[in-house]
Amino acid sequence: MKIQRFNQFILEAQDEAQAPAQGQAAEQTPMEEPAAGGFDEVQNDTPASYVDSLLISMKKKIEKMFEETGEKDEEENDVKKAKLNKKGNSNSPSFKEFNLRLESCEVATRSLLNDTLTVKFSDDENWYNLLISINMKNAIPKDKTKDFSTKDIKQCFIKFKKYDNETQEVIGQITRNTDPNTIDEEFIVNLKIELDDQFGEEEEFEIET
């Protein structure tokens, strides 16, 4: 009997010695989380993150421009008169002059090389599709010793199409490279004027496949 009690005493002592060690291990586990979080923050600064950030910023900027136009007092719009005013003076053209209405504004970030912002808007006769595409290579810092931001992305590709409201057929298209930071209300309206001048209602146009 004495031997059994002695063995039981030894087992209980071993259990008590192990219990604090297990509890201590459990308390140390949460301390590893901040280190993992810090690593994720470093990984966020990539060409893809810069491109996405710029496109989202442009989306908000364009939506705000159309909202501010809609909040102004309504007046009669004469498109031909607006074109003449643009050519005859230095006043910046506006969405309101051409009665332009925003239909949608969406960012797509699933491409491996090019993420895009698609802006669709319309007037009384046509609707327009503005595709802004930025390649990841344009968001790679050339000098890694200097700070890099979305303002350092200096090139994007734009494809601007004009459609007939009734037939939904493509009337005309313009493509070019430009600085994404220069795309504002004046830029978009001038793009529309250029497209309208090149492809009027009587012009026939075919999209290359």
C-alpha atoms as a PDB file:
ATOM      1  CA  MET A   1       0.000   0.000   0.000  1.00  0.00           C
ATOM      2  CA  LYS A   2       2.832   2.395   0.801  1.00  0.00           C
ATOM      3  CA  ILE A   3       4.367   1.749  -2.621  1.00  0.00           C
ATOM      4  CA  GLN A   4       1.060   2.498  -4.423  1.00  0.00           C
ATOM      5  CA  ARG A   5       0.603   5.775  -2.503  1.00  0.00           C
ATOM      6  CA  PHE A   6       4.188   6.776  -3.284  1.00  0.00           C
ATOM      7  CA  ASN A   7       3.653   6.122  -7.015  1.00  0.00           C
ATOM      8  CA  GLN A   8       0.396   8.112  -6.957  1.00  0.00           C
ATOM      9  CA  PHE A   9       2.208  10.999  -5.259  1.00  0.00           C
ATOM     10  CA  ILE A  10       4.876  10.986  -7.990  1.00  0.00           C
ATOM     11  CA  LEU A  11       2.246  11.047 -10.776  1.00  0.00           C
ATOM     12  CA  GLU A  12       0.342  13.948  -9.183  1.00  0.00           C
ATOM     13  CA  ALA A  13       3.575  15.922  -8.804  1.00  0.00           C
ATOM     14  CA  GLN A  14       4.390  15.407 -12.502  1.00  0.00           C
ATOM     15  CA  ASP A  15       0.896  16.596 -13.518  1.00  0.00           C
ATOM     16  CA  GLU A  16       1.261  19.775 -11.466  1.00  0.00           C
ATOM     17  CA  ALA A  17       4.681  20.473 -12.992  1.00  0.00           C
ATOM     18  CA  GLN A  18       3.319  20.146 -16.537  1.00  0.00           C
ATOM     19  CA  ALA A  19       0.209  22.311 -16.011  1.00  0.00           C
ATOM     20  CA  PRO A  20       2.011  25.703 -15.750  1.00  0.00           C
ATOM     21  CA  ALA A  21       4.088  24.920 -18.823  1.00  0.00           C
ATOM     22  CA  GLN A  22       0.972  24.236 -20.892  1.00  0.00           C
ATOM     23  CA  GLY A  23      -0.725  27.393 -19.624  1.00  0.00           C
ATOM     24  CA  GLN A  24       2.331  29.452 -20.413  1.00  0.00           C
ATOM     25  CA  ALA A  25       2.432  28.105 -23.983  1.00  0.00           C
ATOM     26  CA  ALA A  26      -1.200  29.017 -24.479  1.00  0.00           C
ATOM     27  CA  GLU A  27      -0.604  32.596 -23.316  1.00  0.00           C
ATOM     28  CA  GLN A  28       2.287  33.079 -25.764  1.00  0.00           C
ATOM     29  CA  THR A  29       0.306  32.156 -28.914  1.00  0.00           C
ATOM     30  CA  PRO A  30      -1.503  35.533 -29.444  1.00  0.00           C
ATOM     31  CA  MET A  31       1.795  37.416 -29.317  1.00  0.00           C
ATOM     32  CA  GLU A  32       2.707  36.101 -32.771  1.00  0.00           C
ATOM     33  CA  GLU A  33      -0.172  37.974 -34.533  1.00  0.00           C
ATOM     34  CA  PRO A  34       1.351  41.516 -34.638  1.00  0.00           C
ATOM     35  CA  ALA A  35       4.420  40.211 -36.442  1.00  0.00           C
ATOM     36  CA  ALA A  36       2.245  38.646 -39.138  1.00  0.00           C
ATOM     37  CA  GLY A  37       0.216  41.839 -39.495  1.00  0.00           C
ATOM     38  CA  GLY A  38       3.340  43.922 -39.966  1.00  0.00           C
ATOM     39  CA  PHE A  39       4.478  41.650 -42.774  1.00  0.00           C
ATOM     40  CA  ASP A  40       1.178  42.121 -44.616  1.00  0.00           C
ATOM     41  CA  GLU A  41       1.565  45.904 -44.536  1.00  0.00           C
ATOM     42  CA  VAL A  42       4.933  45.669 -46.271  1.00  0.00           C
ATOM     43  CA  GLN A  43       3.462  43.427 -48.958  1.00  0.00           C
ATOM     44  CA  ASN A  44       0.750  46.001 -49.803  1.00  0.00           C
ATOM     45  CA  ASP A  45       3.186  48.328 -51.608  1.00  0.00           C
ATOM     46  CA  THR A  46       3.153  46.636 -55.020  1.00  0.00           C
ATOM     47  CA  PRO A  47       2.593  47.873 -58.600  1.00  0.00           C
ATOM     48  CA  ALA A  48      -0.910  46.343 -58.466  1.00  0.00           C
ATOM     49  CA  SER A  49      -1.778  48.214 -55.269  1.00  0.00           C
ATOM     50  CA  TYR A  50      -0.594  51.537 -56.745  1.00  0.00           C
ATOM     51  CA  VAL A  51      -2.635  50.988 -59.934  1.00  0.00           C
ATOM     52  CA  ASP A  52      -5.757  49.973 -58.023  1.00  0.00           C
ATOM     53  CA  SER A  53      -5.417  52.938 -55.682  1.00  0.00           C
ATOM     54  CA  LEU A  54      -5.109  55.370 -58.610  1.00  0.00           C
ATOM     55  CA  LEU A  55      -8.099  53.909 -60.468  1.00  0.00           C
ATOM     56  CA  ILE A  56     -10.289  54.016 -57.360  1.00  0.00           C
ATOM     57  CA  SER A  57      -9.239  57.624 -56.784  1.00  0.00           C
ATOM     58  CA  MET A  58     -10.090  58.501 -60.400  1.00  0.00           C
ATOM     59  CA  LYS A  59     -13.469  56.784 -60.051  1.00  0.00           C
ATOM     60  CA  LYS A  60     -14.379  58.897 -57.018  1.00  0.00           C
ATOM     61  CA  LYS A  61     -13.105  62.046 -58.743  1.00  0.00           C
ATOM     62  CA  ILE A  62     -15.211  61.486 -61.878  1.00  0.00           C
ATOM     63  CA  GLU A  63     -18.337  60.559 -59.902  1.00  0.00           C
ATOM     64  CA  LYS A  64     -17.950  63.742 -57.852  1.00  0.00           C
ATOM     65  CA  MET A  65     -17.597  65.861 -61.004  1.00  0.00           C
ATOM     66  CA  PHE A  66     -20.892  64.541 -62.379  1.00  0.00           C
ATOM     67  CA  GLU A  67     -22.605  64.950 -58.992  1.00  0.00           C
ATOM     68  CA  GLU A  68     -21.526  68.582 -58.741  1.00  0.00           C
ATOM     69  CA  THR A  69     -22.816  69.212 -62.267  1.00  0.00           C
ATOM     70  CA  GLY A  70     -26.192  67.713 -61.362  1.00  0.00           C
ATOM     71  CA  GLU A  71     -26.482  69.936 -58.291  1.00  0.00           C
ATOM     72  CA  LYS A  72     -26.241  73.151 -60.347  1.00  0.00           C
ATOM     73  CA  ASP A  73     -29.366  74.989 -61.520  1.00  0.00           C
ATOM     74  CA  GLU A  74     -30.718  73.547 -64.754  1.00  0.00           C
ATOM     75  CA  GLU A  75     -30.486  75.673 -67.905  1.00  0.00           C
ATOM     76  CA  GLU A  76     -31.177  75.040 -71.590  1.00  0.00           C
ATOM     77  CA  ASN A  77     -28.206  73.389 -73.304  1.00  0.00           C
ATOM     78  CA  ASP A  78     -27.280  74.068 -76.906  1.00  0.00           C
ATOM     79  CA  VAL A  79     -24.545  71.657 -77.999  1.00  0.00           C
ATOM     80  CA  LYS A  80     -23.616  73.597 -81.126  1.00  0.00           C
ATOM     81  CA  LYS A  81     -23.408  76.789 -79.104  1.00  0.00           C
ATOM     82  CA  ALA A  82     -21.244  75.072 -76.512  1.00  0.00           C
ATOM     83  CA  LYS A  83     -18.800  73.984 -79.232  1.00  0.00           C
ATOM     84  CA  LEU A  84     -18.587  77.519 -80.582  1.00  0.00           C
ATOM     85  CA  ASN A  85     -18.044  78.896 -77.094  1.00  0.00           C
ATOM     86  CA  LYS A  86     -15.205  76.455 -76.558  1.00  0.00           C
ATOM     87  CA  LYS A  87     -13.479  77.502 -79.783  1.00  0.00           C
ATOM     88  CA  GLY A  88     -14.128  81.202 -79.227  1.00  0.00           C
ATOM     89  CA  ASN A  89     -12.993  81.658 -75.628  1.00  0.00           C
ATOM     90  CA  SER A  90     -10.798  80.159 -72.938  1.00  0.00           C
ATOM     91  CA  ASN A  91     -13.602  78.971 -70.642  1.00  0.00           C
ATOM     92  CA  SER A  92     -13.329  75.290 -69.763  1.00  0.00           C
ATOM     93  CA  PRO A  93     -16.099  73.106 -71.230  1.00  0.00           C
ATOM     94  CA  SER A  94     -18.327  71.331 -68.725  1.00  0.00           C
ATOM     95  CA  PHE A  95     -20.619  68.308 -68.551  1.00  0.00           C
ATOM     96  CA  LYS A  96     -23.522  70.669 -68.047  1.00  0.00           C
ATOM     97  CA  GLU A  97     -22.962  72.470 -71.367  1.00  0.00           C
ATOM     98  CA  PHE A  98     -23.407  69.183 -73.210  1.00  0.00           C
ATOM     99  CA  ASN A  99     -26.092  67.778 -70.921  1.00  0.00           C
ATOM    100  CA  LEU A 100     -23.910  64.782 -70.060  1.00  0.00           C
ATOM    101  CA  ARG A 101     -25.232  62.275 -67.513  1.00  0.00           C
ATOM    102  CA  LEU A 102     -23.202  59.595 -65.777  1.00  0.00           C
ATOM    103  CA  GLU A 103     -24.612  56.097 -66.339  1.00  0.00           C
ATOM    104  CA  SER A 104     -21.972  53.982 -64.560  1.00  0.00           C
ATOM    105  CA  CYS A 105     -18.387  54.086 -63.312  1.00  0.00           C
ATOM    106  CA  GLU A 106     -16.675  50.795 -62.454  1.00  0.00           C
ATOM    107  CA  VAL A 107     -13.145  49.610 -61.604  1.00  0.00           C
ATOM    108  CA  ALA A 108     -11.980  46.134 -62.713  1.00  0.00           C
ATOM    109  CA  THR A 109      -8.858  44.755 -60.996  1.00  0.00           C
ATOM    110  CA  ARG A 110      -8.756  41.091 -62.049  1.00  0.00           C
ATOM    111  CA  SER A 111      -6.308  41.369 -64.934  1.00  0.00           C
ATOM    112  CA  LEU A 112      -2.733  40.158 -64.518  1.00  0.00           C
ATOM    113  CA  LEU A 113      -1.231  43.102 -66.437  1.00  0.00           C
ATOM    114  CA  ASN A 114      -3.852  45.838 -66.933  1.00  0.00           C
ATOM    115  CA  ASP A 115      -6.491  47.060 -64.491  1.00  0.00           C
ATOM    116  CA  THR A 116      -9.233  49.314 -65.846  1.00  0.00           C
ATOM    117  CA  LEU A 117     -11.766  52.012 -65.075  1.00  0.00           C
ATOM    118  CA  THR A 118     -14.851  52.091 -67.323  1.00  0.00           C
ATOM    119  CA  VAL A 119     -16.953  55.263 -67.412  1.00  0.00           C
ATOM    120  CA  LYS A 120     -20.282  55.291 -69.274  1.00  0.00           C
ATOM    121  CA  PHE A 121     -22.194  58.518 -69.825  1.00  0.00           C
ATOM    122  CA  SER A 122     -24.787  59.844 -72.251  1.00  0.00           C
ATOM    123  CA  ASP A 123     -26.353  62.935 -73.793  1.00  0.00           C
ATOM    124  CA  ASP A 124     -29.695  63.345 -75.550  1.00  0.00           C
ATOM    125  CA  GLU A 125     -28.645  61.479 -78.710  1.00  0.00           C
ATOM    126  CA  ASN A 126     -25.720  59.186 -77.918  1.00  0.00           C
ATOM    127  CA  TRP A 127     -23.953  57.361 -75.144  1.00  0.00           C
ATOM    128  CA  TYR A 128     -20.204  57.046 -74.606  1.00  0.00           C
ATOM    129  CA  ASN A 129     -17.856  54.463 -73.160  1.00  0.00           C
ATOM    130  CA  LEU A 130     -14.499  55.630 -71.777  1.00  0.00           C
ATOM    131  CA  LEU A 131     -12.091  52.803 -70.924  1.00  0.00           C
ATOM    132  CA  ILE A 132      -8.985  53.791 -68.930  1.00  0.00           C
ATOM    133  CA  SER A 133      -6.376  51.030 -68.697  1.00  0.00           C
ATOM    134  CA  ILE A 134      -3.139  51.129 -66.657  1.00  0.00           C
ATOM    135  CA  ASN A 135      -0.368  48.586 -67.136  1.00  0.00           C
ATOM    136  CA  MET A 136       1.419  47.316 -64.031  1.00  0.00           C
ATOM    137  CA  LYS A 137       4.818  48.144 -65.557  1.00  0.00           C
ATOM    138  CA  ASN A 138       3.924  51.843 -65.351  1.00  0.00           C
ATOM    139  CA  ALA A 139       3.649  51.524 -61.555  1.00  0.00           C
ATOM    140  CA  ILE A 140       7.154  50.128 -61.003  1.00  0.00           C
ATOM    141  CA  PRO A 141       9.461  52.703 -59.338  1.00  0.00           C
ATOM    142  CA  LYS A 142      12.475  53.481 -61.497  1.00  0.00           C
ATOM    143  CA  ASP A 143      14.455  54.807 -58.547  1.00  0.00           C
ATOM    144  CA  LYS A 144      13.887  52.611 -55.478  1.00  0.00           C
ATOM    145  CA  THR A 145      15.698  55.107 -53.246  1.00  0.00           C
ATOM    146  CA  LYS A 146      12.897  57.683 -53.703  1.00  0.00           C
ATOM    147  CA  ASP A 147       9.337  57.634 -52.429  1.00  0.00           C
ATOM    148  CA  PHE A 148       6.760  56.442 -54.970  1.00  0.00           C
ATOM    149  CA  SER A 149       3.072  57.352 -55.163  1.00  0.00           C
ATOM    150  CA  THR A 150       0.165  57.173 -57.603  1.00  0.00           C
ATOM    151  CA  LYS A 151       1.163  60.617 -58.940  1.00  0.00           C
ATOM    152  CA  ASP A 152       4.303  58.982 -60.325  1.00  0.00           C
ATOM    153  CA  ILE A 153       2.222  56.821 -62.691  1.00  0.00           C
ATOM    154  CA  LYS A 154       2.511  58.895 -65.868  1.00  0.00           C
ATOM    155  CA  GLN A 155       0.903  56.749 -68.551  1.00  0.00           C
ATOM    156  CA  CYS A 156      -2.405  55.046 -69.227  1.00  0.00           C
ATOM    157  CA  PHE A 157      -4.196  53.857 -72.356  1.00  0.00           C
ATOM    158  CA  ILE A 158      -7.663  55.159 -73.152  1.00  0.00           C
ATOM    159  CA  LYS A 159     -10.275  53.841 -75.579  1.00  0.00           C
ATOM    160  CA  PHE A 160     -13.245  56.149 -76.112  1.00  0.00           C
ATOM    161  CA  LYS A 161     -16.303  54.943 -78.053  1.00  0.00           C
ATOM    162  CA  LYS A 162     -19.486  56.650 -79.181  1.00  0.00           C
ATOM    163  CA  TYR A 163     -22.760  54.699 -79.546  1.00  0.00           C
ATOM    164  CA  ASP A 164     -26.154  55.492 -81.016  1.00  0.00           C
ATOM    165  CA  ASN A 165     -28.849  55.581 -78.316  1.00  0.00           C
ATOM    166  CA  GLU A 166     -31.482  53.848 -80.472  1.00  0.00           C
ATOM    167  CA  THR A 167     -29.507  51.243 -82.425  1.00  0.00           C
ATOM    168  CA  GLN A 168     -26.700  50.748 -79.852  1.00  0.00           C
ATOM    169  CA  GLU A 169     -24.273  50.646 -82.789  1.00  0.00           C
ATOM    170  CA  VAL A 170     -20.743  52.033 -82.516  1.00  0.00           C
ATOM    171  CA  ILE A 171     -20.438  55.370 -84.321  1.00  0.00           C
ATOM    172  CA  GLY A 172     -16.801  56.186 -83.638  1.00  0.00           C
ATOM    173  CA  GLN A 173     -13.726  55.444 -81.564  1.00  0.00           C
ATOM    174  CA  ILE A 174     -10.579  57.222 -80.342  1.00  0.00           C
ATOM    175  CA  THR A 175      -7.545  55.581 -78.717  1.00  0.00           C
ATOM    176  CA  ARG A 176      -4.408  57.132 -77.243  1.00  0.00           C
ATOM    177  CA  ASN A 177      -1.936  57.171 -74.371  1.00  0.00           C
ATOM    178  CA  THR A 178      -2.106  59.943 -71.790  1.00  0.00           C
ATOM    179  CA  ASP A 179      -1.173  60.899 -68.238  1.00  0.00           C
ATOM    180  CA  PRO A 180      -3.938  59.580 -65.924  1.00  0.00           C
ATOM    181  CA  ASN A 181      -3.431  62.500 -63.554  1.00  0.00           C
ATOM    182  CA  THR A 182      -4.580  64.932 -66.280  1.00  0.00           C
ATOM    183  CA  ILE A 183      -7.989  63.285 -66.789  1.00  0.00           C
ATOM    184  CA  ASP A 184     -10.601  65.705 -65.509  1.00  0.00           C
ATOM    185  CA  GLU A 185     -13.919  67.223 -66.636  1.00  0.00           C
ATOM    186  CA  GLU A 186     -12.296  69.396 -69.308  1.00  0.00           C
ATOM    187  CA  PHE A 187     -10.298  66.443 -70.665  1.00  0.00           C
ATOM    188  CA  ILE A 188     -13.399  64.231 -70.987  1.00  0.00           C
ATOM    189  CA  VAL A 189     -15.525  66.925 -72.624  1.00  0.00           C
ATOM    190  CA  ASN A 190     -12.764  67.763 -75.114  1.00  0.00           C
ATOM    191  CA  LEU A 191     -12.502  64.066 -75.903  1.00  0.00           C
ATOM    192  CA  LYS A 192     -16.230  64.014 -76.659  1.00  0.00           C
ATOM    193  CA  ILE A 193     -15.934  67.102 -78.862  1.00  0.00           C
ATOM    194  CA  GLU A 194     -13.082  65.512 -80.803  1.00  0.00           C
ATOM    195  CA  LEU A 195     -15.011  62.273 -81.294  1.00  0.00           C
ATOM    196  CA  ASP A 196     -18.176  64.129 -82.363  1.00  0.00           C
ATOM    197  CA  ASP A 197     -16.194  66.215 -84.848  1.00  0.00           C
ATOM    198  CA  GLN A 198     -14.567  63.134 -86.380  1.00  0.00           C
ATOM    199  CA  PHE A 199     -17.651  60.932 -86.442  1.00  0.00           C
ATOM    200  CA  GLY A 200     -20.863  62.842 -87.000  1.00  0.00           C
ATOM    201  CA  GLU A 201     -24.259  61.279 -87.586  1.00  0.00           C
ATOM    202  CA  GLU A 202     -23.680  60.961 -91.334  1.00  0.00           C
ATOM    203  CA  GLU A 203     -20.298  59.249 -90.960  1.00  0.00           C
ATOM    204  CA  GLU A 204     -20.033  55.497 -91.331  1.00  0.00           C
ATOM    205  CA  PHE A 205     -17.598  53.732 -89.056  1.00  0.00           C
ATOM    206  CA  GLU A 206     -16.366  50.184 -88.647  1.00  0.00           C
ATOM    207  CA  ILE A 207     -14.563  48.825 -85.594  1.00  0.00           C
ATOM    208  CA  GLU A 208     -11.503  46.752 -86.389  1.00  0.00           C
ATOM    209  CA  THR A 209     -11.597  43.277 -84.889  1.00  0.00           C
END
